[in-house]
Amino acid sequence: MLTNALRLLSVLLVALSLGAGLAHLFALPNKINLPAAEYLVAQQVYRGWALLGIVIFGAQLSTVLLAIRIRRQRWAFMLTLVAAVCIALSLAIFFVFTFPTNQQTANWTMLPEHWQTLRMQWEYSHAAGAVLYFIALTCLTLSLLPPTVMPATRMRDEW
């Protein structure tokens, strides 16, 4: 029961994280070359998105707990572990690239002299996060399949 609850929670939280990541990714081509004033206006749609951090940290925690819980199911464990690592990498990218950019621009309410470099850093760090959330969700979803569906695990794992 707990394992299934963790599976559901992990998939839902990673899917929500991916949704936010895809919003950034799909907006990138339309925003990357905007002039300064227009870019500042466009960035205001993200006010309040910091609360998504709760979802992302929840995804990280539930996925790690799930991996621990299913550690004896080799195939599901490995896929869940890859998902957890992807989420951790997305958080590392956020704190190394995105967060400092938010700080330097006061959450995009002002533009420093090198704002175009910061824009590239901000946009592409979010794009990388979206890719990582996609991989995480894919791995979590695959981990839900019974081992008989996965050729490499038919004889080894027990569902």
Protein backbone atom coordinates (compact mmCIF):
# COMPACT_ATOMS: atom_id res chain seq x y z
CA MET A 1 0.00 0.00 0.00
CA LEU A 2 2.75 2.46 0.96
CA THR A 3 4.75 1.52 -2.13
CA ASN A 4 1.79 2.19 -4.42
CA ALA A 5 1.11 5.50 -2.67
CA LEU A 6 4.74 6.53 -3.19
CA ARG A 7 4.58 5.48 -6.84
CA LEU A 8 1.47 7.57 -7.42
CA LEU A 9 2.84 10.54 -5.51
CA SER A 10 6.17 10.41 -7.34
CA VAL A 11 4.57 10.21 -10.77
CA LEU A 12 2.15 13.04 -10.01
CA LEU A 13 4.79 15.36 -8.54
CA VAL A 14 7.27 14.70 -11.34
CA ALA A 15 4.50 15.25 -13.91
CA LEU A 16 3.68 18.62 -12.31
CA SER A 17 7.37 19.53 -12.34
CA LEU A 18 7.57 18.56 -15.99
CA GLY A 19 4.52 20.70 -16.76
CA ALA A 20 6.26 23.78 -15.41
CA GLY A 21 9.46 22.85 -17.19
CA LEU A 22 7.68 22.41 -20.50
CA ALA A 23 6.02 25.80 -20.10
CA HIS A 24 9.49 27.35 -19.92
CA LEU A 25 10.82 25.20 -22.75
CA PHE A 26 7.97 25.98 -25.15
CA ALA A 27 8.12 29.71 -24.36
CA LEU A 28 11.87 29.88 -25.01
CA PRO A 29 11.78 30.34 -28.82
CA ASN A 30 9.29 33.19 -28.47
CA LYS A 31 11.17 34.96 -25.68
CA ILE A 32 14.86 34.44 -26.36
CA ASN A 33 15.20 37.38 -28.77
CA LEU A 34 12.73 39.83 -27.25
CA PRO A 35 13.95 43.37 -26.65
CA ALA A 36 14.71 44.28 -23.03
CA ALA A 37 11.41 45.98 -22.16
CA GLU A 38 9.30 43.23 -23.71
CA TYR A 39 11.36 40.51 -22.03
CA LEU A 40 10.82 42.11 -18.63
CA VAL A 41 7.07 42.16 -19.25
CA ALA A 42 7.06 38.53 -20.39
CA GLN A 43 8.99 37.44 -17.30
CA GLN A 44 6.29 38.78 -15.00
CA VAL A 45 4.07 35.78 -15.83
CA TYR A 46 6.35 33.75 -13.55
CA ARG A 47 5.53 35.69 -10.38
CA GLY A 48 4.60 33.19 -7.71
CA TRP A 49 6.21 30.25 -9.49
CA ALA A 50 8.69 29.90 -6.61
CA LEU A 51 5.97 27.86 -4.92
CA LEU A 52 6.66 25.14 -7.48
CA GLY A 53 9.78 24.47 -5.45
CA ILE A 54 7.52 22.64 -3.00
CA VAL A 55 6.39 20.35 -5.81
CA ILE A 56 9.94 19.74 -7.04
CA PHE A 57 11.35 19.00 -3.59
CA GLY A 58 8.33 16.76 -2.98
CA ALA A 59 9.10 14.93 -6.23
CA GLN A 60 12.69 14.47 -5.12
CA LEU A 61 11.75 13.18 -1.68
CA SER A 62 8.99 10.83 -2.82
CA THR A 63 11.15 9.40 -5.60
CA VAL A 64 14.09 8.75 -3.26
CA LEU A 65 11.77 7.15 -0.71
CA LEU A 66 10.26 5.02 -3.47
CA ALA A 67 13.71 3.91 -4.63
CA ILE A 68 14.57 2.84 -1.09
CA ARG A 69 11.28 1.03 -0.75
CA ILE A 70 11.68 -0.98 -3.98
CA ARG A 71 15.43 -1.54 -3.80
CA ARG A 72 15.03 -5.32 -4.16
CA GLN A 73 13.17 -5.00 -7.47
CA ARG A 74 16.23 -4.41 -9.60
CA TRP A 75 14.61 -3.07 -12.79
CA ALA A 76 12.12 -0.78 -11.04
CA PHE A 77 14.78 0.35 -8.58
CA MET A 78 17.26 1.30 -11.31
CA LEU A 79 14.66 3.27 -13.24
CA THR A 80 13.45 5.01 -10.09
CA LEU A 81 17.03 5.80 -9.12
CA VAL A 82 17.64 7.35 -12.55
CA ALA A 83 14.49 9.45 -12.03
CA ALA A 84 15.73 10.60 -8.62
CA VAL A 85 19.13 11.50 -10.05
CA CYS A 86 17.48 13.49 -12.87
CA ILE A 87 15.44 15.47 -10.36
CA ALA A 88 18.55 16.10 -8.26
CA LEU A 89 20.41 17.29 -11.37
CA SER A 90 17.54 19.63 -12.26
CA LEU A 91 17.75 21.11 -8.76
CA ALA A 92 21.52 21.50 -9.08
CA ILE A 93 21.10 23.28 -12.42
CA PHE A 94 18.48 25.55 -10.85
CA PHE A 95 20.69 26.53 -7.92
CA VAL A 96 23.85 26.94 -10.01
CA PHE A 97 22.36 28.81 -12.97
CA THR A 98 18.72 29.90 -12.57
CA PHE A 99 18.62 31.11 -8.98
CA PRO A 100 21.72 33.35 -9.26
CA THR A 101 20.19 34.88 -12.38
CA ASN A 102 16.98 35.58 -10.51
CA GLN A 103 19.04 37.26 -7.79
CA GLN A 104 21.01 39.43 -10.21
CA THR A 105 17.84 40.63 -11.93
CA ALA A 106 15.72 40.94 -8.76
CA ASN A 107 13.44 38.27 -10.26
CA TRP A 108 13.45 40.03 -13.60
CA THR A 109 12.24 43.38 -12.33
CA MET A 110 15.44 45.09 -13.46
CA LEU A 111 18.10 44.41 -16.05
CA PRO A 112 21.81 44.65 -15.30
CA GLU A 113 24.24 45.52 -18.06
CA HIS A 114 24.87 41.86 -18.98
CA TRP A 115 21.17 40.94 -18.96
CA GLN A 116 21.31 39.14 -22.32
CA THR A 117 23.87 36.67 -20.97
CA LEU A 118 21.68 36.19 -17.92
CA ARG A 119 18.65 35.64 -20.13
CA MET A 120 20.44 32.86 -22.03
CA GLN A 121 21.54 31.29 -18.75
CA TRP A 122 18.01 31.49 -17.31
CA GLU A 123 16.22 30.20 -20.40
CA TYR A 124 18.59 27.34 -21.17
CA SER A 125 18.86 26.22 -17.55
CA HIS A 126 15.08 25.87 -17.51
CA ALA A 127 15.21 23.97 -20.81
CA ALA A 128 17.75 21.55 -19.33
CA GLY A 129 15.49 21.08 -16.32
CA ALA A 130 12.55 20.26 -18.59
CA VAL A 131 14.59 17.57 -20.35
CA LEU A 132 15.61 16.09 -17.01
CA TYR A 133 12.00 16.05 -15.75
CA PHE A 134 10.94 14.33 -18.97
CA ILE A 135 13.57 11.64 -18.46
CA ALA A 136 12.53 11.29 -14.82
CA LEU A 137 8.86 10.88 -15.68
CA THR A 138 9.66 8.41 -18.45
CA CYS A 139 11.78 6.31 -16.09
CA LEU A 140 9.16 6.39 -13.35
CA THR A 141 6.48 5.34 -15.81
CA LEU A 142 8.62 2.49 -17.13
CA SER A 143 9.28 1.37 -13.56
CA LEU A 144 5.56 0.76 -13.15
CA LEU A 145 5.50 -1.87 -15.88
CA PRO A 146 5.64 -5.47 -14.75
CA PRO A 147 9.06 -7.07 -15.31
CA THR A 148 7.58 -9.51 -17.83
CA VAL A 149 7.17 -6.59 -20.22
CA MET A 150 10.87 -5.73 -19.99
CA PRO A 151 12.98 -8.40 -21.76
CA ALA A 152 16.09 -7.87 -19.63
CA THR A 153 14.24 -8.50 -16.41
CA ARG A 154 11.88 -11.37 -17.23
CA MET A 155 13.90 -13.98 -15.42
CA ARG A 156 15.49 -11.91 -12.67
CA ASP A 157 13.03 -9.57 -11.04
CA GLU A 158 9.96 -10.25 -9.08
CA TRP A 159 7.06 -7.81 -9.40
